[in-house]
Protein backbone atom coordinates (compact mmCIF):
# COMPACT_ATOMS: atom_id res chain seq x y z
CA MET A 1 0.00 0.00 0.00
CA ALA A 2 2.89 2.35 0.76
CA ALA A 3 4.31 1.86 -2.72
CA VAL A 4 0.91 2.46 -4.35
CA LEU A 5 0.42 5.64 -2.34
CA ALA A 6 3.90 6.86 -3.19
CA SER A 7 3.32 6.23 -6.88
CA ALA A 8 -0.02 8.04 -6.82
CA LEU A 9 1.48 11.03 -5.12
CA LEU A 10 4.37 11.09 -7.56
CA LEU A 11 2.01 11.25 -10.45
CA THR A 12 -0.26 13.96 -8.96
CA GLY A 13 1.82 16.26 -8.83
CA CYS A 14 4.96 29.84 20.80
CA ALA A 15 6.82 30.08 23.74
CA GLN A 16 10.58 30.39 23.48
CA SER A 17 12.16 26.98 24.09
CA VAL A 18 14.46 26.57 27.04
CA ASP A 19 15.41 23.00 26.15
CA PRO A 20 19.24 22.91 25.99
CA ILE A 21 19.05 20.44 23.11
CA GLU A 22 16.94 22.93 21.17
CA ARG A 23 19.43 25.66 21.98
CA LEU A 24 22.06 23.38 20.44
CA GLY A 25 19.88 23.26 17.34
CA LYS A 26 19.93 27.06 17.20
CA ARG A 27 23.71 27.03 17.49
CA ALA A 28 23.78 24.76 14.45
CA ALA A 29 22.39 27.65 12.42
CA GLN A 30 25.61 29.48 13.21
CA GLY A 31 27.75 26.73 11.75
CA VAL A 32 28.17 24.29 14.62
CA ARG A 33 29.11 20.93 13.11
CA GLN A 34 30.08 17.94 15.23
CA PRO A 35 32.74 15.71 13.71
CA SER A 36 32.01 12.03 13.39
CA PRO A 37 33.67 10.01 16.19
CA ALA A 38 33.61 6.90 14.03
CA GLY A 39 36.49 7.94 11.79
CA SER A 40 37.01 7.35 8.10
CA GLN A 41 35.47 3.86 8.21
CA ALA A 42 32.09 5.07 9.50
CA TYR A 43 30.38 4.24 6.21
CA ARG A 44 30.88 0.51 6.87
CA ARG A 45 28.77 0.79 10.00
CA TRP A 46 25.82 1.78 7.83
CA GLY A 47 26.16 -0.91 5.19
CA LEU A 48 28.04 1.03 2.51
CA ALA A 49 30.97 -0.48 0.64
CA ALA A 50 32.63 2.90 0.13
CA PRO A 51 32.29 6.41 1.57
CA LEU A 52 29.95 8.83 -0.13
CA ALA A 53 31.66 11.19 -2.53
CA ALA A 54 31.85 14.76 -1.28
CA PRO A 55 29.31 17.02 -3.02
CA PRO A 56 30.44 20.24 -4.71
CA ARG A 57 31.01 22.98 -2.17
CA HIS A 58 28.90 25.29 -4.30
CA PRO A 59 26.59 24.57 -7.24
CA ALA A 60 28.51 24.61 -10.50
CA ARG A 61 25.57 26.41 -12.13
CA HIS A 62 23.80 28.80 -9.81
CA PRO A 63 20.00 28.77 -10.06
CA THR A 64 18.14 32.00 -10.68
CA ALA A 65 17.61 33.80 -7.39
CA HIS A 66 14.02 33.76 -6.17
CA ARG A 67 13.20 36.05 -3.28
CA ALA A 68 11.18 34.57 -0.42
CA GLY A 69 7.70 36.10 -0.52
CA ALA A 70 7.76 36.63 -4.29
CA PHE A 71 4.61 35.46 -6.05
CA PRO A 72 4.23 32.85 -7.25
CA PRO A 73 6.79 30.64 -5.47
CA ARG A 74 8.57 28.10 -7.62
CA VAL A 75 7.28 24.53 -7.60
CA VAL A 76 10.02 21.94 -8.11
CA ASP A 77 10.39 18.17 -8.02
CA HIS A 78 14.03 18.28 -9.12
CA VAL A 79 16.89 20.72 -9.50
CA ALA A 80 18.21 21.63 -12.93
CA THR A 81 21.90 20.89 -12.40
CA THR A 82 24.70 18.93 -13.99
CA ASP A 83 26.23 18.28 -10.56
CA LYS A 84 26.12 14.58 -9.75
CA VAL A 85 23.92 14.99 -6.70
CA VAL A 86 20.47 13.96 -5.51
CA PHE A 87 18.62 15.37 -2.51
CA LEU A 88 17.23 13.32 0.39
CA THR A 89 14.07 14.63 2.05
CA TYR A 90 11.96 13.30 4.93
CA ASP A 91 8.44 14.32 5.95
CA ASP A 92 6.24 14.80 9.00
CA GLY A 93 8.51 14.20 11.99
CA ALA A 94 7.42 10.89 13.49
CA GLU A 95 10.93 9.44 13.22
CA ARG A 96 12.63 9.54 16.66
CA ASP A 97 15.38 6.91 16.46
CA PRO A 98 18.55 8.38 18.01
CA ARG A 99 20.59 5.99 15.85
CA PHE A 100 19.39 7.88 12.79
CA VAL A 101 21.08 10.96 14.24
CA ASP A 102 24.27 8.89 14.40
CA MET A 103 23.83 7.90 10.76
CA VAL A 104 23.42 11.50 9.61
CA ARG A 105 26.45 12.52 11.67
CA ASP A 106 28.71 9.64 10.64
CA LEU A 107 27.93 9.93 6.93
CA ARG A 108 27.66 13.75 7.01
CA LEU A 109 24.34 13.51 5.21
CA PRO A 110 22.91 16.92 4.20
CA VAL A 111 19.29 15.76 4.56
CA SER A 112 16.17 17.94 4.74
CA PHE A 113 13.28 17.36 7.17
CA PHE A 114 9.87 18.86 6.38
CA LEU A 115 8.19 18.98 9.79
CA THR A 116 4.52 18.94 10.77
CA ASP A 117 3.91 20.34 14.25
CA SER A 118 1.08 17.98 15.19
CA VAL A 119 3.23 14.98 14.26
CA VAL A 120 6.42 16.16 15.94
CA GLY A 121 4.56 16.94 19.17
CA PRO A 122 7.09 17.07 22.01
CA GLY A 123 9.85 15.69 19.78
CA TYR A 124 11.46 18.92 18.56
CA GLY A 125 14.55 18.17 20.65
CA HIS A 126 15.28 15.16 18.44
CA PHE A 127 15.27 17.36 15.35
CA ALA A 128 17.48 19.88 17.10
CA ARG A 129 20.01 17.06 17.43
CA LEU A 130 19.64 16.28 13.73
CA ARG A 131 20.08 19.94 12.88
CA ALA A 132 23.20 20.09 15.03
CA VAL A 133 24.81 17.38 12.88
CA GLY A 134 23.92 18.98 9.56
CA ALA A 135 20.23 18.36 8.72
CA ASP A 136 18.04 21.21 7.47
CA ILE A 137 14.58 21.89 8.89
CA GLU A 138 11.75 22.95 6.55
CA ASN A 139 7.97 23.59 6.69
CA HIS A 140 5.26 20.92 6.24
CA THR A 141 2.28 22.74 7.91
CA LEU A 142 0.92 22.64 11.45
CA ASP A 143 -1.63 19.83 11.07
CA HIS A 144 -0.98 18.12 7.70
CA PRO A 145 -4.28 18.86 5.91
CA ALA A 146 -4.81 18.41 2.19
CA MET A 147 -4.43 22.01 1.03
CA PRO A 148 -6.46 22.20 -2.23
CA GLY A 149 -9.89 23.69 -1.58
CA LEU A 150 -9.08 25.14 1.83
CA PRO A 151 -9.75 28.90 2.11
CA TYR A 152 -6.86 31.32 2.04
CA ALA A 153 -7.10 32.04 5.78
CA GLY A 154 -6.86 28.35 6.61
CA GLN A 155 -3.92 27.70 4.30
CA ARG A 156 -2.09 30.77 5.54
CA ALA A 157 -2.62 29.71 9.16
CA GLU A 158 -1.21 26.25 8.42
CA ILE A 159 1.92 27.56 6.70
CA CYS A 160 2.62 30.74 8.67
CA GLY A 161 1.74 28.98 11.93
CA GLN A 162 4.45 26.39 11.32
CA GLN A 163 6.87 29.14 10.31
CA ASP A 164 6.26 30.69 13.73
CA LYS A 165 6.71 27.34 15.48
CA LEU A 166 10.02 26.68 13.73
CA ARG A 167 11.23 30.17 14.50
CA SER A 168 10.44 29.75 18.18
CA ARG A 169 12.13 26.34 18.30
CA PHE A 170 15.15 26.88 16.07
CA GLY A 171 15.36 30.59 15.31
CA ILE A 172 14.67 30.03 11.59
CA ARG A 173 11.90 30.79 9.10
CA PRO A 174 12.35 28.27 6.26
CA ARG A 175 12.22 29.29 2.60
CA LEU A 176 11.17 25.78 1.54
CA PHE A 177 7.70 24.26 2.00
CA ARG A 178 6.27 20.87 1.11
CA PRO A 179 2.46 20.72 0.89
CA PRO A 180 0.98 17.60 2.52
CA TYR A 181 0.49 14.73 0.06
CA GLY A 182 2.30 16.81 -2.56
CA THR A 183 -0.93 18.58 -3.56
CA TYR A 184 -1.63 22.31 -3.76
CA ASP A 185 -3.69 24.95 -5.57
CA THR A 186 -3.24 28.60 -6.48
CA THR A 187 -4.39 29.60 -3.00
CA THR A 188 -1.54 27.52 -1.56
CA LEU A 189 0.94 29.42 -3.70
CA ARG A 190 -0.46 32.76 -2.55
CA ALA A 191 -0.47 31.76 1.13
CA ALA A 192 3.05 30.30 0.91
CA ALA A 193 4.39 33.50 -0.65
CA ASP A 194 2.75 35.59 2.07
CA CYS A 195 4.47 33.41 4.68
CA GLY A 196 7.92 34.02 3.20
CA ILE A 197 8.22 30.78 1.21
CA SER A 198 10.23 30.88 -2.01
CA THR A 199 9.82 27.27 -3.19
CA LEU A 200 7.28 24.44 -2.95
CA VAL A 201 9.26 21.22 -2.90
CA LEU A 202 7.74 18.04 -4.33
CA TRP A 203 9.72 14.93 -5.33
CA ARG A 204 10.65 12.91 -8.38
CA ALA A 205 11.31 9.58 -6.61
CA ALA A 206 10.02 8.03 -3.39
CA MET A 207 11.85 5.41 -1.32
CA THR A 208 9.40 3.02 0.36
CA SER A 209 9.70 -0.37 2.02
CA ASP A 210 9.21 -1.94 -1.42
CA GLY A 211 11.89 0.04 -3.24
CA ILE A 212 11.92 3.25 -5.26
CA ALA A 213 8.86 4.57 -7.10
CA TYR A 214 9.72 6.97 -9.93
CA ALA A 215 7.70 9.72 -11.59
CA HIS A 216 7.43 10.60 -15.29
CA GLY A 217 8.34 7.11 -16.47
CA GLU A 218 11.88 7.29 -15.10
CA ARG A 219 13.68 4.09 -14.17
CA HIS A 220 16.82 5.45 -12.51
CA LEU A 221 17.97 8.26 -10.29
CA ARG A 222 19.29 11.25 -12.21
CA PRO A 223 21.33 14.31 -11.20
CA GLY A 224 19.13 16.84 -9.43
CA ASP A 225 16.39 14.40 -8.36
CA ILE A 226 14.59 15.22 -5.12
CA VAL A 227 13.88 11.96 -3.28
CA LEU A 228 11.24 11.45 -0.60
CA VAL A 229 12.16 8.82 1.98
CA GLY A 230 8.89 7.65 3.52
CA PRO A 231 8.39 7.44 7.31
CA ASP A 232 8.81 4.27 9.33
CA GLU A 233 6.03 1.73 8.96
CA ALA A 234 4.70 -0.93 11.34
CA THR A 235 6.53 -3.62 9.40
CA GLY A 236 9.34 -3.65 6.88
CA PRO A 237 12.75 -1.97 6.77
CA THR A 238 13.46 0.84 9.22
CA LEU A 239 14.25 4.38 8.15
CA LYS A 240 17.95 3.70 8.59
CA GLU A 241 17.76 0.58 6.44
CA ARG A 242 15.78 2.29 3.69
CA THR A 243 18.18 5.23 3.73
CA ALA A 244 21.15 2.85 3.45
CA ARG A 245 19.51 1.02 0.52
CA LEU A 246 18.90 4.34 -1.18
CA LEU A 247 22.48 5.45 -0.63
CA ARG A 248 23.76 2.27 -2.24
CA ARG A 249 21.61 3.02 -5.30
CA VAL A 250 22.88 6.60 -5.30
CA GLN A 251 26.47 5.36 -5.33
CA ALA A 252 25.74 2.78 -8.02
CA ARG A 253 24.58 5.61 -10.28
CA GLY A 254 27.80 7.57 -9.68
CA LEU A 255 25.96 10.16 -7.59
CA THR A 256 26.17 11.57 -4.10
CA VAL A 257 23.93 13.58 -1.76
CA GLY A 258 23.76 17.37 -1.99
CA ARG A 259 22.28 19.99 0.31
CA LEU A 260 18.94 21.09 -1.12
CA GLU A 261 19.07 24.60 0.35
CA ASP A 262 22.33 25.26 -1.51
CA TYR A 263 20.54 24.74 -4.83
CA LEU A 264 17.21 26.42 -4.06
């Protein structure tokens, strides 16, 4: 069922925190980066035969600047680049496994988390830890509603409300937004722009417990693809295992993982 849902989606287009872990997350915004204690062989711990190639420090071809708040925001499911990178994205915020933090740290994975407040609940400290080791935090609404058809006020409250939550927790107001289920309408674009969003981020491939589902008839990962890694399920491979499987496919295609914010 997860694979069917992923395929369907592919085709359709507060109070100030005093949690010291969350304060660590805010320090990450200033460039705090913890080195991996596992050394140069850390990749073996996560089932890789070789370390991931380092991504370009800067995009070889800079995308056209798009000011946050400009209307309409861009809508992308991939990045137009010749750099041999793909982008790993994760939704909602139910994942709480501290070992996944270790994986991101050891492999220096520049992953992006699109967080929903009602799903994260009291778990923002976990994502502060992820942010401290290099993950980016983005907007995925307060309550995860399907956006098309909702009135402007409701859509704006969902997007701007989560912007406020993320600012209070991490001191950031993301430029990137993923609409729940990957669906949106013109009202979503207007509300997102008014909340300071520059880009709606969809995906071109989805990693599920059954493998990768591709959009647009593709059969392989290509440079610039944005990949959605689905949340943990009751049965099947864990998030760590699915991420490791995906990374092996990334390497087999001669690619590596880039930081999405650097390209958008």
